[in-house]
C-alpha atoms as a PDB file:
ATOM      1  CA  MET A   1     -19.431-231.278  60.894  1.00  0.00           C
ATOM      2  CA  THR A   2     -16.108-231.823  59.121  1.00  0.00           C
ATOM      3  CA  ALA A   3     -13.108-229.556  59.279  1.00  0.00           C
ATOM      4  CA  GLU A   4     -13.318-229.108  55.510  1.00  0.00           C
ATOM      5  CA  TRP A   5     -16.937-227.960  55.761  1.00  0.00           C
ATOM      6  CA  VAL A   6     -16.121-225.465  58.526  1.00  0.00           C
ATOM      7  CA  SER A   7     -13.139-224.162  56.557  1.00  0.00           C
ATOM      8  CA  GLY A   8     -15.347-223.748  53.508  1.00  0.00           C
ATOM      9  CA  ILE A   9     -17.903-221.719  55.442  1.00  0.00           C
ATOM     10  CA  ALA A  10     -15.175-219.526  56.943  1.00  0.00           C
ATOM     11  CA  ALA A  11     -13.616-218.950  53.526  1.00  0.00           C
ATOM     12  CA  ALA A  12     -16.990-218.069  52.009  1.00  0.00           C
ATOM     13  CA  TYR A  13     -17.718-215.658  54.843  1.00  0.00           C
ATOM     14  CA  ALA A  14     -14.314-213.974  54.484  1.00  0.00           C
ATOM     15  CA  ALA A  15     -14.769-213.690  50.724  1.00  0.00           C
ATOM     16  CA  SER A  16     -18.211-212.118  51.144  1.00  0.00           C
ATOM     17  CA  VAL A  17     -16.883-209.575  53.664  1.00  0.00           C
ATOM     18  CA  ILE A  18     -13.950-208.650  51.445  1.00  0.00           C
ATOM     19  CA  GLY A  19     -16.199-208.536  48.397  1.00  0.00           C
ATOM     20  CA  TYR A  20     -18.649-206.200  50.122  1.00  0.00           C
ATOM     21  CA  HIS A  21     -15.815-203.967  51.303  1.00  0.00           C
ATOM     22  CA  ARG A  22     -14.301-203.720  47.828  1.00  0.00           C
ATOM     23  CA  TRP A  23     -17.725-203.027  46.308  1.00  0.00           C
ATOM     24  CA  ARG A  24     -18.185-200.199  48.812  1.00  0.00           C
ATOM     25  CA  VAL A  25     -14.735-198.816  47.976  1.00  0.00           C
ATOM     26  CA  LEU A  26     -15.526-198.800  44.255  1.00  0.00           C
ATOM     27  CA  ARG A  27     -18.924-197.195  44.856  1.00  0.00           C
ATOM     28  CA  GLN A  28     -17.447-194.440  47.018  1.00  0.00           C
ATOM     29  CA  ARG A  29     -14.633-193.791  44.565  1.00  0.00           C
ATOM     30  CA  ALA A  30     -17.113-193.573  41.698  1.00  0.00           C
ATOM     31  CA  GLU A  31     -19.257-191.149  43.701  1.00  0.00           C
ATOM     32  CA  ALA A  32     -16.289-188.783  44.043  1.00  0.00           C
ATOM     33  CA  GLY A  33     -15.160-189.246  40.461  1.00  0.00           C
ATOM     34  CA  GLY A  34     -11.826-190.569  41.662  1.00  0.00           C
ATOM     35  CA  PHE A  35     -10.578-187.160  42.887  1.00  0.00           C
ATOM     36  CA  PRO A  36      -8.425-186.754  39.734  1.00  0.00           C
ATOM     37  CA  THR A  37      -6.758-183.524  40.890  1.00  0.00           C
ATOM     38  CA  LEU A  38      -5.145-185.396  43.800  1.00  0.00           C
ATOM     39  CA  GLY A  39      -2.835-187.012  41.261  1.00  0.00           C
ATOM     40  CA  ARG A  40      -1.248-183.653  40.436  1.00  0.00           C
ATOM     41  CA  LEU A  41       2.202-182.701  41.686  1.00  0.00           C
ATOM     42  CA  ASP A  42       2.932-179.625  43.778  1.00  0.00           C
ATOM     43  CA  TRP A  43       5.904-178.376  41.774  1.00  0.00           C
ATOM     44  CA  ASP A  44       6.469-175.397  44.035  1.00  0.00           C
ATOM     45  CA  THR A  45       7.371-177.865  46.782  1.00  0.00           C
ATOM     46  CA  LEU A  46       9.476-180.022  44.461  1.00  0.00           C
ATOM     47  CA  LEU A  47      11.408-177.053  43.028  1.00  0.00           C
ATOM     48  CA  SER A  48      11.885-175.253  46.317  1.00  0.00           C
ATOM     49  CA  GLY A  49      15.348-173.721  46.653  1.00  0.00           C
ATOM     50  CA  LEU A  50      16.344-174.208  43.012  1.00  0.00           C
ATOM     51  CA  LEU A  51      15.685-170.570  42.069  1.00  0.00           C
ATOM     52  CA  PRO A  52      16.037-167.333  44.039  1.00  0.00           C
ATOM     53  CA  GLU A  53      12.765-166.307  45.663  1.00  0.00           C
ATOM     54  CA  GLN A  54      11.023-163.589  43.648  1.00  0.00           C
ATOM     55  CA  PRO A  55       7.399-162.449  43.641  1.00  0.00           C
ATOM     56  CA  ALA A  56       5.362-163.653  40.674  1.00  0.00           C
ATOM     57  CA  ASP A  57       5.089-160.876  38.087  1.00  0.00           C
ATOM     58  CA  GLY A  58       2.843-162.449  35.471  1.00  0.00           C
ATOM     59  CA  PHE A  59       5.508-164.320  33.508  1.00  0.00           C
ATOM     60  CA  GLU A  60       3.767-167.020  31.434  1.00  0.00           C
ATOM     61  CA  ALA A  61       5.340-170.170  32.808  1.00  0.00           C
ATOM     62  CA  PRO A  62       4.169-173.534  31.463  1.00  0.00           C
ATOM     63  CA  SER A  63       1.524-175.558  33.230  1.00  0.00           C
ATOM     64  CA  PRO A  64       2.537-179.026  34.457  1.00  0.00           C
ATOM     65  CA  GLU A  65       2.056-181.925  32.083  1.00  0.00           C
ATOM     66  CA  GLU A  66      -0.353-183.638  34.496  1.00  0.00           C
ATOM     67  CA  GLY A  67      -2.508-180.525  34.970  1.00  0.00           C
ATOM     68  CA  GLY A  68      -2.786-177.732  37.477  1.00  0.00           C
ATOM     69  CA  PRO A  69      -1.551-174.151  37.458  1.00  0.00           C
ATOM     70  CA  ALA A  70       1.974-173.085  36.594  1.00  0.00           C
ATOM     71  CA  PRO A  71       4.248-173.192  39.641  1.00  0.00           C
ATOM     72  CA  VAL A  72       4.505-169.835  41.387  1.00  0.00           C
ATOM     73  CA  VAL A  73       8.291-170.189  41.527  1.00  0.00           C
ATOM     74  CA  LEU A  74       8.411-170.065  37.710  1.00  0.00           C
ATOM     75  CA  ARG A  75       6.007-167.144  37.314  1.00  0.00           C
ATOM     76  CA  ALA A  76       8.666-164.495  37.908  1.00  0.00           C
ATOM     77  CA  ALA A  77      10.565-163.383  34.806  1.00  0.00           C
ATOM     78  CA  PRO A  78      14.098-164.804  34.916  1.00  0.00           C
ATOM     79  CA  THR A  79      17.121-162.566  35.121  1.00  0.00           C
ATOM     80  CA  ALA A  80      20.212-163.036  32.979  1.00  0.00           C
ATOM     81  CA  ALA A  81      21.794-164.956  35.857  1.00  0.00           C
ATOM     82  CA  THR A  82      18.860-167.327  36.346  1.00  0.00           C
ATOM     83  CA  ARG A  83      17.623-167.776  32.762  1.00  0.00           C
ATOM     84  CA  ALA A  84      19.363-171.102  32.124  1.00  0.00           C
ATOM     85  CA  ARG A  85      18.047-172.582  35.375  1.00  0.00           C
ATOM     86  CA  HIS A  86      14.570-171.179  34.785  1.00  0.00           C
ATOM     87  CA  ASP A  87      14.418-172.603  31.244  1.00  0.00           C
ATOM     88  CA  ALA A  88      15.528-176.035  32.454  1.00  0.00           C
ATOM     89  CA  LEU A  89      12.891-176.113  35.200  1.00  0.00           C
ATOM     90  CA  CYS A  90      10.177-174.970  32.778  1.00  0.00           C
ATOM     91  CA  ALA A  91      11.127-177.847  30.480  1.00  0.00           C
ATOM     92  CA  LEU A  92      11.006-180.313  33.368  1.00  0.00           C
ATOM     93  CA  VAL A  93       7.551-179.157  34.477  1.00  0.00           C
ATOM     94  CA  SER A  94       6.311-179.368  30.874  1.00  0.00           C
ATOM     95  CA  GLY A  95       7.292-183.041  30.716  1.00  0.00           C
ATOM     96  CA  ILE A  96      10.479-182.699  28.681  1.00  0.00           C
ATOM     97  CA  PRO A  97      13.082-185.111  30.093  1.00  0.00           C
ATOM     98  CA  LEU A  98      16.289-183.367  31.103  1.00  0.00           C
ATOM     99  CA  SER A  99      19.586-185.079  30.399  1.00  0.00           C
ATOM    100  CA  THR A 100      22.542-184.958  32.765  1.00  0.00           C
ATOM    101  CA  GLN A 101      24.253-182.636  30.287  1.00  0.00           C
ATOM    102  CA  ALA A 102      21.273-180.256  30.224  1.00  0.00           C
ATOM    103  CA  ILE A 103      21.167-180.153  34.020  1.00  0.00           C
ATOM    104  CA  ASP A 104      24.891-179.459  34.254  1.00  0.00           C
ATOM    105  CA  GLY A 105      24.682-176.868  31.489  1.00  0.00           C
ATOM    106  CA  ALA A 106      21.972-174.978  33.354  1.00  0.00           C
ATOM    107  CA  GLY A 107      24.285-174.570  36.327  1.00  0.00           C
ATOM    108  CA  PHE A 108      22.956-177.257  38.657  1.00  0.00           C
ATOM    109  CA  SER A 109      25.470-179.435  40.445  1.00  0.00           C
ATOM    110  CA  GLY A 110      25.859-181.680  43.479  1.00  0.00           C
ATOM    111  CA  GLY A 111      22.665-182.318  45.429  1.00  0.00           C
ATOM    112  CA  GLU A 112      20.598-180.048  43.176  1.00  0.00           C
ATOM    113  CA  ALA A 113      21.568-182.036  40.078  1.00  0.00           C
ATOM    114  CA  ARG A 114      20.843-185.364  41.790  1.00  0.00           C
ATOM    115  CA  TRP A 115      17.424-184.116  42.885  1.00  0.00           C
ATOM    116  CA  LEU A 116      16.567-182.951  39.361  1.00  0.00           C
ATOM    117  CA  LEU A 117      17.494-186.376  37.989  1.00  0.00           C
ATOM    118  CA  THR A 118      15.163-187.901  40.575  1.00  0.00           C
ATOM    119  CA  LEU A 119      12.378-185.597  39.373  1.00  0.00           C
ATOM    120  CA  VAL A 120      13.040-186.624  35.775  1.00  0.00           C
ATOM    121  CA  ARG A 121      12.790-190.290  36.775  1.00  0.00           C
ATOM    122  CA  ALA A 122       9.626-189.583  38.776  1.00  0.00           C
ATOM    123  CA  ARG A 123       7.978-188.575  35.515  1.00  0.00           C
ATOM    124  CA  HIS A 124       9.443-191.169  33.155  1.00  0.00           C
ATOM    125  CA  GLU A 125      10.641-194.041  35.386  1.00  0.00           C
ATOM    126  CA  PRO A 126       8.584-193.740  38.583  1.00  0.00           C
ATOM    127  CA  ASP A 127       9.564-197.163  39.931  1.00  0.00           C
ATOM    128  CA  LYS A 128      13.252-196.279  39.753  1.00  0.00           C
ATOM    129  CA  ALA A 129      12.648-192.902  41.363  1.00  0.00           C
ATOM    130  CA  LEU A 130      10.747-194.573  44.192  1.00  0.00           C
ATOM    131  CA  ASP A 131      13.563-197.075  44.719  1.00  0.00           C
ATOM    132  CA  GLU A 132      16.001-194.178  45.049  1.00  0.00           C
ATOM    133  CA  LEU A 133      13.814-192.345  47.535  1.00  0.00           C
ATOM    134  CA  GLU A 134      13.240-195.441  49.645  1.00  0.00           C
ATOM    135  CA  SER A 135      16.918-196.416  49.709  1.00  0.00           C
ATOM    136  CA  VAL A 136      17.873-193.627  52.144  1.00  0.00           C
ATOM    137  CA  PRO A 137      15.999-191.752  54.906  1.00  0.00           C
ATOM    138  CA  ALA A 138      14.168-188.713  53.562  1.00  0.00           C
ATOM    139  CA  ALA A 139      15.973-185.494  54.483  1.00  0.00           C
ATOM    140  CA  THR A 140      13.471-182.922  53.163  1.00  0.00           C
ATOM    141  CA  LEU A 141       9.753-182.338  52.907  1.00  0.00           C
ATOM    142  CA  ALA A 142       9.967-182.601  49.121  1.00  0.00           C
ATOM    143  CA  GLU A 143      11.540-186.065  49.346  1.00  0.00           C
ATOM    144  CA  VAL A 144       8.852-187.353  51.711  1.00  0.00           C
ATOM    145  CA  TYR A 145       6.099-185.874  49.581  1.00  0.00           C
ATOM    146  CA  LEU A 146       7.428-187.281  46.308  1.00  0.00           C
ATOM    147  CA  ARG A 147       8.102-190.692  47.870  1.00  0.00           C
ATOM    148  CA  GLU A 148       4.520-191.069  49.082  1.00  0.00           C
ATOM    149  CA  HIS A 149       3.106-189.696  45.833  1.00  0.00           C
ATOM    150  CA  LEU A 150       5.066-192.277  43.840  1.00  0.00           C
ATOM    151  CA  PHE A 151       4.241-195.054  46.292  1.00  0.00           C
ATOM    152  CA  LEU A 152       0.511-194.454  45.881  1.00  0.00           C
ATOM    153  CA  HIS A 153       0.948-194.197  42.113  1.00  0.00           C
ATOM    154  CA  THR A 154       3.014-197.354  41.552  1.00  0.00           C
ATOM    155  CA  GLN A 155       2.672-199.695  44.532  1.00  0.00           C
ATOM    156  CA  VAL A 156      -1.034-199.745  45.390  1.00  0.00           C
ATOM    157  CA  GLY A 157      -3.224-202.360  43.732  1.00  0.00           C
ATOM    158  CA  PRO A 158      -6.219-204.634  44.391  1.00  0.00           C
ATOM    159  CA  LEU A 159      -4.143-207.239  46.250  1.00  0.00           C
ATOM    160  CA  ASN A 160      -2.585-204.866  48.777  1.00  0.00           C
ATOM    161  CA  LEU A 161      -4.942-201.881  48.809  1.00  0.00           C
ATOM    162  CA  GLU A 162      -5.722-201.645  52.522  1.00  0.00           C
ATOM    163  CA  TRP A 163      -2.261-202.635  53.763  1.00  0.00           C
ATOM    164  CA  ALA A 164      -0.464-200.251  51.409  1.00  0.00           C
ATOM    165  CA  ILE A 165      -2.710-197.318  52.336  1.00  0.00           C
ATOM    166  CA  PHE A 166      -2.282-198.092  56.033  1.00  0.00           C
ATOM    167  CA  ASN A 167       1.514-198.020  55.692  1.00  0.00           C
ATOM    168  CA  SER A 168       1.483-194.810  53.666  1.00  0.00           C
ATOM    169  CA  LYS A 169      -0.760-193.055  56.177  1.00  0.00           C
ATOM    170  CA  ARG A 170       1.415-194.246  59.055  1.00  0.00           C
ATOM    171  CA  ARG A 171       4.500-192.755  57.406  1.00  0.00           C
ATOM    172  CA  LEU A 172       2.639-189.535  56.632  1.00  0.00           C
ATOM    173  CA  LEU A 173       1.511-189.173  60.243  1.00  0.00           C
ATOM    174  CA  GLY A 174       5.133-189.249  61.351  1.00  0.00           C
ATOM    175  CA  ALA A 175       6.120-186.817  58.598  1.00  0.00           C
ATOM    176  CA  LEU A 176       3.367-184.382  59.612  1.00  0.00           C
ATOM    177  CA  ARG A 177       4.776-184.329  63.133  1.00  0.00           C
ATOM    178  CA  ARG A 178       8.251-183.773  61.742  1.00  0.00           C
ATOM    179  CA  PHE A 179       7.356-181.080  59.194  1.00  0.00           C
ATOM    180  CA  LYS A 180       4.626-179.352  61.209  1.00  0.00           C
ATOM    181  CA  ASP A 181       1.397-179.554  59.226  1.00  0.00           C
ATOM    182  CA  ALA A 182       2.939-179.228  55.754  1.00  0.00           C
ATOM    183  CA  ALA A 183       0.295-178.782  53.062  1.00  0.00           C
ATOM    184  CA  PRO A 184       1.816-181.270  50.550  1.00  0.00           C
ATOM    185  CA  LEU A 185       1.612-184.055  53.136  1.00  0.00           C
ATOM    186  CA  TYR A 186      -2.083-183.408  53.777  1.00  0.00           C
ATOM    187  CA  PHE A 187      -2.602-183.364  50.018  1.00  0.00           C
ATOM    188  CA  VAL A 188      -0.978-186.746  49.452  1.00  0.00           C
ATOM    189  CA  ARG A 189      -2.795-188.166  52.478  1.00  0.00           C
ATOM    190  CA  ALA A 190      -6.051-187.003  50.896  1.00  0.00           C
ATOM    191  CA  ARG A 191      -5.106-189.055  47.849  1.00  0.00           C
ATOM    192  CA  ALA A 192      -4.494-192.107  50.038  1.00  0.00           C
ATOM    193  CA  SER A 193      -7.957-191.747  51.585  1.00  0.00           C
ATOM    194  CA  ALA A 194      -9.549-191.283  48.169  1.00  0.00           C
ATOM    195  CA  LEU A 195      -8.039-194.565  46.946  1.00  0.00           C
ATOM    196  CA  LEU A 196      -9.945-196.340  49.723  1.00  0.00           C
ATOM    197  CA  GLY A 197     -13.155-194.437  49.039  1.00  0.00           C
ATOM    198  CA  PHE A 198     -12.880-192.475  52.291  1.00  0.00           C
ATOM    199  CA  ASN A 199     -14.250-189.361  50.649  1.00  0.00           C
ATOM    200  CA  ARG A 200     -14.933-187.393  53.823  1.00  0.00           C
ATOM    201  CA  MET A 201     -11.366-187.920  55.042  1.00  0.00           C
ATOM    202  CA  ALA A 202     -10.050-186.920  51.618  1.00  0.00           C
ATOM    203  CA  LEU A 203     -12.101-183.710  51.717  1.00  0.00           C
ATOM    204  CA  ASP A 204     -10.915-182.904  55.234  1.00  0.00           C
ATOM    205  CA  ASP A 205      -7.263-183.276  54.260  1.00  0.00           C
ATOM    206  CA  LEU A 206      -7.771-181.320  51.051  1.00  0.00           C
ATOM    207  CA  ALA A 207      -9.218-178.471  53.117  1.00  0.00           C
ATOM    208  CA  ARG A 208      -6.244-178.705  55.491  1.00  0.00           C
ATOM    209  CA  ALA A 209      -3.872-178.502  52.521  1.00  0.00           C
ATOM    210  CA  VAL A 210      -5.584-175.297  51.367  1.00  0.00           C
ATOM    211  CA  TYR A 211      -5.372-173.797  54.850  1.00  0.00           C
ATOM    212  CA  PHE A 212      -1.774-174.718  55.665  1.00  0.00           C
ATOM    213  CA  SER A 213      -0.574-173.679  52.206  1.00  0.00           C
ATOM    214  CA  ARG A 214      -1.988-170.215  52.937  1.00  0.00           C
ATOM    215  CA  GLN A 215      -4.275-170.632  49.939  1.00  0.00           C
ATOM    216  CA  THR A 216      -1.638-171.040  47.241  1.00  0.00           C
ATOM    217  CA  PRO A 217      -2.935-171.444  43.652  1.00  0.00           C
ATOM    218  CA  PHE A 218      -2.023-175.132  43.345  1.00  0.00           C
ATOM    219  CA  TYR A 219      -4.320-176.173  46.197  1.00  0.00           C
ATOM    220  CA  LEU A 220      -7.046-173.699  45.321  1.00  0.00           C
ATOM    221  CA  ARG A 221      -7.222-175.106  41.797  1.00  0.00           C
ATOM    222  CA  ALA A 222      -7.217-178.680  43.121  1.00  0.00           C
ATOM    223  CA  VAL A 223     -10.463-177.821  44.914  1.00  0.00           C
ATOM    224  CA  LEU A 224     -12.050-175.794  42.130  1.00  0.00           C
ATOM    225  CA  ASP A 225     -11.227-178.374  39.433  1.00  0.00           C
ATOM    226  CA  THR A 226     -12.930-181.231  41.320  1.00  0.00           C
ATOM    227  CA  PRO A 227     -16.694-181.368  40.637  1.00  0.00           C
ATOM    228  CA  TYR A 228     -17.352-183.590  43.662  1.00  0.00           C
ATOM    229  CA  VAL A 229     -16.041-180.921  46.034  1.00  0.00           C
ATOM    230  CA  HIS A 230     -18.563-178.457  44.591  1.00  0.00           C
ATOM    231  CA  GLU A 231     -21.335-180.843  45.666  1.00  0.00           C
ATOM    232  CA  ALA A 232     -19.919-182.007  48.984  1.00  0.00           C
ATOM    233  CA  ARG A 233     -18.226-178.843  50.305  1.00  0.00           C
ATOM    234  CA  PRO A 234     -19.712-175.751  48.610  1.00  0.00           C
ATOM    235  CA  ALA A 235     -18.382-173.494  51.388  1.00  0.00           C
ATOM    236  CA  LEU A 236     -14.816-174.662  50.693  1.00  0.00           C
ATOM    237  CA  VAL A 237     -15.309-174.034  46.994  1.00  0.00           C
ATOM    238  CA  GLN A 238     -16.589-170.517  47.653  1.00  0.00           C
ATOM    239  CA  GLN A 239     -13.642-169.790  49.912  1.00  0.00           C
ATOM    240  CA  CYS A 240     -11.185-171.010  47.280  1.00  0.00           C
ATOM    241  CA  ARG A 241     -12.904-169.080  44.501  1.00  0.00           C
ATOM    242  CA  GLN A 242     -12.672-165.859  46.497  1.00  0.00           C
ATOM    243  CA  ALA A 243      -9.030-166.458  47.376  1.00  0.00           C
ATOM    244  CA  LEU A 244      -8.086-167.144  43.759  1.00  0.00           C
ATOM    245  CA  SER A 245      -9.830-164.054  42.473  1.00  0.00           C
END
């Protein structure tokens, strides 16, 4: 038995194992329809602190370009003092790129202006936005959430699928300890599981996101707009339907 023959058998065995694993991943992902709502962005988290807190009063704010309900933070009618900021954030959520001049003109400056530019890049130049977020330690929940969202969107492919998901989940585990069961982190971890076809894990984290968000509309709609959840977790769907109504 030659070394070449043994190496060939080992290579064939490894290829068959990897091939079976990838086939199973694709089958599981197809069964869940890809969990498309997990690609949405929680804009209430991303826009936190950029407007004064006011209860939603039925103002018709725009829905995000990628789908999902209008952010709660934009569903309160702006006052004269907040109109410029509110209009700029509505444009951003709608997918309209904001220039530096528009951000400055709306009254944002310093760290707020830099964060808005990062959000603009996240939509239109996601690789650059990810580079920015990875260049310094994340200081806020929103930064961690957006970083992992962009990482899963731009850096995960067939050649690094398992390793990339492992690293993302490891970072998210640390962030969940740091930010105490934050709903956006469970949501993005659900997306990581879904990319590997771990549908049960994705459903568990989606349910956790609903619970720890205190049933906010973004997470309720993420459940209700996913047909697979209706089949796999009808009780969760019923709970979300009641909460939304």
